[in-house]
C-alpha atoms as a PDB file:
ATOM      1  CA  MET A   1       2.706   0.994 -60.308  1.00  0.00           C
ATOM      2  CA  LYS A   2       5.492  -1.530 -59.516  1.00  0.00           C
ATOM      3  CA  ARG A   3       7.638   1.216 -58.169  1.00  0.00           C
ATOM      4  CA  LEU A   4       4.956   2.378 -55.765  1.00  0.00           C
ATOM      5  CA  THR A   5       4.411  -1.195 -54.473  1.00  0.00           C
ATOM      6  CA  VAL A   6       8.206  -1.726 -53.902  1.00  0.00           C
ATOM      7  CA  VAL A   7       8.445   1.639 -52.167  1.00  0.00           C
ATOM      8  CA  THR A   8       5.371   0.905 -49.924  1.00  0.00           C
ATOM      9  CA  ILE A   9       6.892  -2.491 -49.064  1.00  0.00           C
ATOM     10  CA  ALA A  10      10.202  -0.913 -48.291  1.00  0.00           C
ATOM     11  CA  LEU A  11       8.723   1.559 -45.931  1.00  0.00           C
ATOM     12  CA  ALA A  12       6.665  -0.958 -44.189  1.00  0.00           C
ATOM     13  CA  MET A  13       9.710  -3.163 -43.566  1.00  0.00           C
ATOM     14  CA  LEU A  14      11.542  -0.053 -42.171  1.00  0.00           C
ATOM     15  CA  MET A  15       8.690   0.729 -39.854  1.00  0.00           C
ATOM     16  CA  LEU A  16       8.535  -2.847 -38.673  1.00  0.00           C
ATOM     17  CA  GLY A  17      12.266  -2.931 -38.086  1.00  0.00           C
ATOM     18  CA  ALA A  18      12.101   0.327 -36.066  1.00  0.00           C
ATOM     19  CA  MET A  19       9.241  -0.896 -33.942  1.00  0.00           C
ATOM     20  CA  GLN A  20      11.126  -4.157 -33.176  1.00  0.00           C
ATOM     21  CA  PHE A  21      14.280  -2.156 -32.342  1.00  0.00           C
ATOM     22  CA  ASN A  22      12.368   0.037 -29.949  1.00  0.00           C
ATOM     23  CA  ALA A  23      10.826  -2.978 -28.217  1.00  0.00           C
ATOM     24  CA  VAL A  24      14.206  -4.678 -27.679  1.00  0.00           C
ATOM     25  CA  ALA A  25      15.799  -1.309 -26.592  1.00  0.00           C
ATOM     26  CA  GLN A  26      13.074  -1.199 -23.989  1.00  0.00           C
ATOM     27  CA  GLY A  27      13.569  -4.673 -22.927  1.00  0.00           C
ATOM     28  CA  LYS A  28      10.216  -5.870 -24.346  1.00  0.00           C
ATOM     29  CA  SER A  29      11.198  -8.287 -26.997  1.00  0.00           C
ATOM     30  CA  SER A  30       9.253 -11.535 -26.980  1.00  0.00           C
ATOM     31  CA  GLY A  31      12.270 -13.519 -25.681  1.00  0.00           C
ATOM     32  CA  ASP A  32      12.893 -10.980 -22.890  1.00  0.00           C
ATOM     33  CA  VAL A  33       9.276 -11.313 -21.738  1.00  0.00           C
ATOM     34  CA  LYS A  34       9.335 -15.158 -21.976  1.00  0.00           C
ATOM     35  CA  ASP A  35      12.438 -15.224 -19.986  1.00  0.00           C
ATOM     36  CA  ALA A  36      10.998 -12.949 -17.254  1.00  0.00           C
ATOM     37  CA  ILE A  37       7.949 -15.014 -17.002  1.00  0.00           C
ATOM     38  CA  LEU A  38       9.984 -18.173 -16.817  1.00  0.00           C
ATOM     39  CA  LYS A  39      11.993 -16.729 -13.998  1.00  0.00           C
ATOM     40  CA  LEU A  40       8.872 -15.805 -12.137  1.00  0.00           C
ATOM     41  CA  GLU A  41       7.478 -19.342 -12.626  1.00  0.00           C
ATOM     42  CA  ASP A  42      10.735 -20.579 -11.228  1.00  0.00           C
ATOM     43  CA  THR A  43      10.389 -18.393  -8.239  1.00  0.00           C
ATOM     44  CA  TRP A  44       6.872 -19.667  -7.544  1.00  0.00           C
ATOM     45  CA  LEU A  45       8.223 -23.324  -7.706  1.00  0.00           C
ATOM     46  CA  SER A  46      11.094 -22.501  -5.371  1.00  0.00           C
ATOM     47  CA  ALA A  47       8.608 -20.891  -2.994  1.00  0.00           C
ATOM     48  CA  GLU A  48       6.658 -24.086  -3.050  1.00  0.00           C
ATOM     49  CA  LYS A  49       9.681 -26.488  -2.686  1.00  0.00           C
ATOM     50  CA  ASP A  50      11.110 -24.348   0.198  1.00  0.00           C
ATOM     51  CA  ASN A  51       7.848 -24.065   1.951  1.00  0.00           C
ATOM     52  CA  LYS A  52       8.170 -20.293   1.879  1.00  0.00           C
ATOM     53  CA  PRO A  53       4.882 -18.680   0.640  1.00  0.00           C
ATOM     54  CA  GLU A  54       6.108 -15.274   1.460  1.00  0.00           C
ATOM     55  CA  ASP A  55       8.403 -15.590  -1.377  1.00  0.00           C
ATOM     56  CA  ALA A  56       5.403 -16.040  -3.870  1.00  0.00           C
ATOM     57  CA  ALA A  57       3.249 -13.192  -2.292  1.00  0.00           C
ATOM     58  CA  LEU A  58       4.263 -10.563  -4.723  1.00  0.00           C
ATOM     59  CA  LEU A  59       3.765 -12.805  -7.743  1.00  0.00           C
ATOM     60  CA  PHE A  60       0.040 -12.991  -7.165  1.00  0.00           C
ATOM     61  CA  ALA A  61      -2.508 -10.134  -7.885  1.00  0.00           C
ATOM     62  CA  ASP A  62      -4.513  -9.260  -4.900  1.00  0.00           C
ATOM     63  CA  ASP A  63      -7.589 -10.561  -6.715  1.00  0.00           C
ATOM     64  CA  ALA A  64      -6.151 -13.500  -8.282  1.00  0.00           C
ATOM     65  CA  VAL A  65      -8.149 -16.758  -8.653  1.00  0.00           C
ATOM     66  CA  PHE A  66      -6.650 -20.243  -8.122  1.00  0.00           C
ATOM     67  CA  THR A  67      -8.436 -23.294  -9.050  1.00  0.00           C
ATOM     68  CA  ASP A  68      -6.799 -26.431  -7.760  1.00  0.00           C
ATOM     69  CA  ALA A  69      -6.996 -30.129  -9.041  1.00  0.00           C
ATOM     70  CA  ASP A  70      -9.776 -30.916  -6.626  1.00  0.00           C
ATOM     71  CA  GLY A  71     -11.699 -28.103  -8.067  1.00  0.00           C
ATOM     72  CA  LEU A  72     -11.429 -25.803  -5.037  1.00  0.00           C
ATOM     73  CA  VAL A  73     -11.337 -22.154  -5.777  1.00  0.00           C
ATOM     74  CA  ARG A  74      -9.187 -19.946  -3.605  1.00  0.00           C
ATOM     75  CA  GLY A  75      -8.096 -16.397  -3.528  1.00  0.00           C
ATOM     76  CA  LYS A  76      -4.562 -15.099  -2.912  1.00  0.00           C
ATOM     77  CA  ALA A  77      -4.518 -15.392   0.941  1.00  0.00           C
ATOM     78  CA  ASP A  78      -5.897 -19.020   0.890  1.00  0.00           C
ATOM     79  CA  GLN A  79      -3.394 -20.061  -2.032  1.00  0.00           C
ATOM     80  CA  LEU A  80      -0.433 -18.650   0.179  1.00  0.00           C
ATOM     81  CA  ASN A  81      -1.735 -20.401   3.240  1.00  0.00           C
ATOM     82  CA  ASN A  82      -2.250 -23.735   1.334  1.00  0.00           C
ATOM     83  CA  MET A  83       1.412 -23.620   0.268  1.00  0.00           C
ATOM     84  CA  HIS A  84       2.294 -24.848   3.970  1.00  0.00           C
ATOM     85  CA  GLN A  85       0.246 -27.871   3.381  1.00  0.00           C
ATOM     86  CA  VAL A  86       2.791 -30.163   1.852  1.00  0.00           C
ATOM     87  CA  LYS A  87       6.597 -30.412   2.542  1.00  0.00           C
ATOM     88  CA  TRP A  88       8.051 -31.306  -0.881  1.00  0.00           C
ATOM     89  CA  GLU A  89      10.796 -33.810  -1.266  1.00  0.00           C
ATOM     90  CA  THR A  90      10.762 -33.349  -4.996  1.00  0.00           C
ATOM     91  CA  ALA A  91       8.901 -30.712  -7.030  1.00  0.00           C
ATOM     92  CA  GLU A  92       9.468 -29.864 -10.640  1.00  0.00           C
ATOM     93  CA  ASN A  93       7.837 -28.270 -13.676  1.00  0.00           C
ATOM     94  CA  SER A  94       8.247 -29.525 -17.160  1.00  0.00           C
ATOM     95  CA  GLY A  95       6.887 -28.996 -20.725  1.00  0.00           C
ATOM     96  CA  ILE A  96       6.423 -25.315 -20.090  1.00  0.00           C
ATOM     97  CA  LYS A  97       4.990 -23.227 -22.942  1.00  0.00           C
ATOM     98  CA  VAL A  98       4.817 -19.375 -22.786  1.00  0.00           C
ATOM     99  CA  ILE A  99       2.178 -17.751 -25.036  1.00  0.00           C
ATOM    100  CA  PRO A 100       2.183 -13.864 -25.180  1.00  0.00           C
ATOM    101  CA  HIS A 101      -0.851 -11.980 -25.725  1.00  0.00           C
ATOM    102  CA  GLY A 102       0.030  -8.317 -25.311  1.00  0.00           C
ATOM    103  CA  LYS A 103      -0.115  -7.440 -21.543  1.00  0.00           C
ATOM    104  CA  THR A 104      -1.303 -10.888 -20.788  1.00  0.00           C
ATOM    105  CA  ILE A 105       0.846 -14.016 -20.872  1.00  0.00           C
ATOM    106  CA  ILE A 106      -0.638 -17.624 -20.789  1.00  0.00           C
ATOM    107  CA  VAL A 107       1.764 -20.322 -19.389  1.00  0.00           C
ATOM    108  CA  THR A 108       1.066 -23.956 -19.516  1.00  0.00           C
ATOM    109  CA  GLY A 109       3.161 -26.861 -17.938  1.00  0.00           C
ATOM    110  CA  ARG A 110       3.159 -29.883 -15.829  1.00  0.00           C
ATOM    111  CA  PHE A 111       4.034 -30.233 -12.201  1.00  0.00           C
ATOM    112  CA  ASP A 112       5.246 -33.397 -10.572  1.00  0.00           C
ATOM    113  CA  GLY A 113       5.963 -33.580  -6.895  1.00  0.00           C
ATOM    114  CA  LYS A 114       6.415 -35.892  -3.970  1.00  0.00           C
ATOM    115  CA  GLY A 115       6.208 -35.095  -0.384  1.00  0.00           C
ATOM    116  CA  LYS A 116       4.265 -35.314   2.817  1.00  0.00           C
ATOM    117  CA  ASP A 117       1.271 -33.207   3.984  1.00  0.00           C
ATOM    118  CA  SER A 118       1.016 -31.582   7.431  1.00  0.00           C
ATOM    119  CA  ALA A 119      -0.312 -34.992   8.957  1.00  0.00           C
ATOM    120  CA  GLY A 120       2.743 -36.862   7.720  1.00  0.00           C
ATOM    121  CA  LYS A 121       0.696 -38.690   4.898  1.00  0.00           C
ATOM    122  CA  LYS A 122       2.609 -39.148   1.559  1.00  0.00           C
ATOM    123  CA  VAL A 123       1.608 -37.099  -1.307  1.00  0.00           C
ATOM    124  CA  ASN A 124       2.288 -37.875  -4.924  1.00  0.00           C
ATOM    125  CA  VAL A 125       1.069 -35.234  -7.438  1.00  0.00           C
ATOM    126  CA  SER A 126       0.962 -35.033 -11.274  1.00  0.00           C
ATOM    127  CA  GLU A 127      -0.830 -32.038 -12.578  1.00  0.00           C
ATOM    128  CA  GLN A 128      -1.203 -30.104 -15.834  1.00  0.00           C
ATOM    129  CA  TRP A 129      -1.513 -26.437 -15.122  1.00  0.00           C
ATOM    130  CA  THR A 130      -2.344 -23.035 -16.805  1.00  0.00           C
ATOM    131  CA  ASP A 131      -1.280 -19.693 -15.425  1.00  0.00           C
ATOM    132  CA  VAL A 132      -2.355 -16.297 -16.565  1.00  0.00           C
ATOM    133  CA  TRP A 133       0.028 -13.586 -15.962  1.00  0.00           C
ATOM    134  CA  MET A 134      -0.894  -9.769 -16.438  1.00  0.00           C
ATOM    135  CA  LYS A 135       1.542  -6.953 -16.797  1.00  0.00           C
ATOM    136  CA  THR A 136       0.235  -4.432 -13.976  1.00  0.00           C
ATOM    137  CA  GLN A 137       1.210  -0.936 -13.895  1.00  0.00           C
ATOM    138  CA  HIS A 138       2.589  -0.958 -10.378  1.00  0.00           C
ATOM    139  CA  MET A 139       3.590  -4.388  -9.594  1.00  0.00           C
ATOM    140  CA  GLY A 140       4.888  -5.719 -13.029  1.00  0.00           C
ATOM    141  CA  TRP A 141       3.939  -9.208 -14.097  1.00  0.00           C
ATOM    142  CA  GLN A 142       1.521 -10.938 -11.633  1.00  0.00           C
ATOM    143  CA  VAL A 143      -0.695 -14.024 -11.687  1.00  0.00           C
ATOM    144  CA  VAL A 144      -4.412 -13.114 -12.137  1.00  0.00           C
ATOM    145  CA  ALA A 145      -5.487 -16.777 -12.546  1.00  0.00           C
ATOM    146  CA  SER A 146      -4.226 -20.237 -12.168  1.00  0.00           C
ATOM    147  CA  GLN A 147      -5.846 -23.735 -12.775  1.00  0.00           C
ATOM    148  CA  SER A 148      -4.586 -27.299 -12.428  1.00  0.00           C
ATOM    149  CA  SER A 149      -5.954 -30.587 -13.400  1.00  0.00           C
ATOM    150  CA  PRO A 150      -4.804 -33.963 -12.242  1.00  0.00           C
ATOM    151  CA  VAL A 151      -2.863 -36.114 -14.731  1.00  0.00           C
ATOM    152  CA  ASN A 152      -3.220 -39.838 -14.781  1.00  0.00           C
ATOM    153  CA  LYS A 153      -0.052 -41.613 -14.131  1.00  0.00           C
END
């Protein structure tokens, strides 16, 4: 009986090792996915900082939903148009956590930015945010939902 248990455990470990090797060979290891998502989050932040929403357009699914810190709910087009509203002097994300769930990734972090809105009024923002990325068949990883909440300073 002990021999059968040992053989079963050894076979299970071999199969698990083979599955992990296959995932790495296909560039799908957990670290690879996390790195890819972090790069996409950086692309989004750069589009915000550079005031170039067109650089973020492919990051968002066509039916994505964005809930901002004021509770306004927007679709993709409105989110991209809203990116023109502030010219950021500083903008950075921190405390980012990436949590994989199969073909869905939850990312949390904090955004701090200072700048001026389109009327020239100073803007000072601190928000905690959550983004939901989904692996799509044709477009790769895209944001399907995003929500932010103000953080008291």
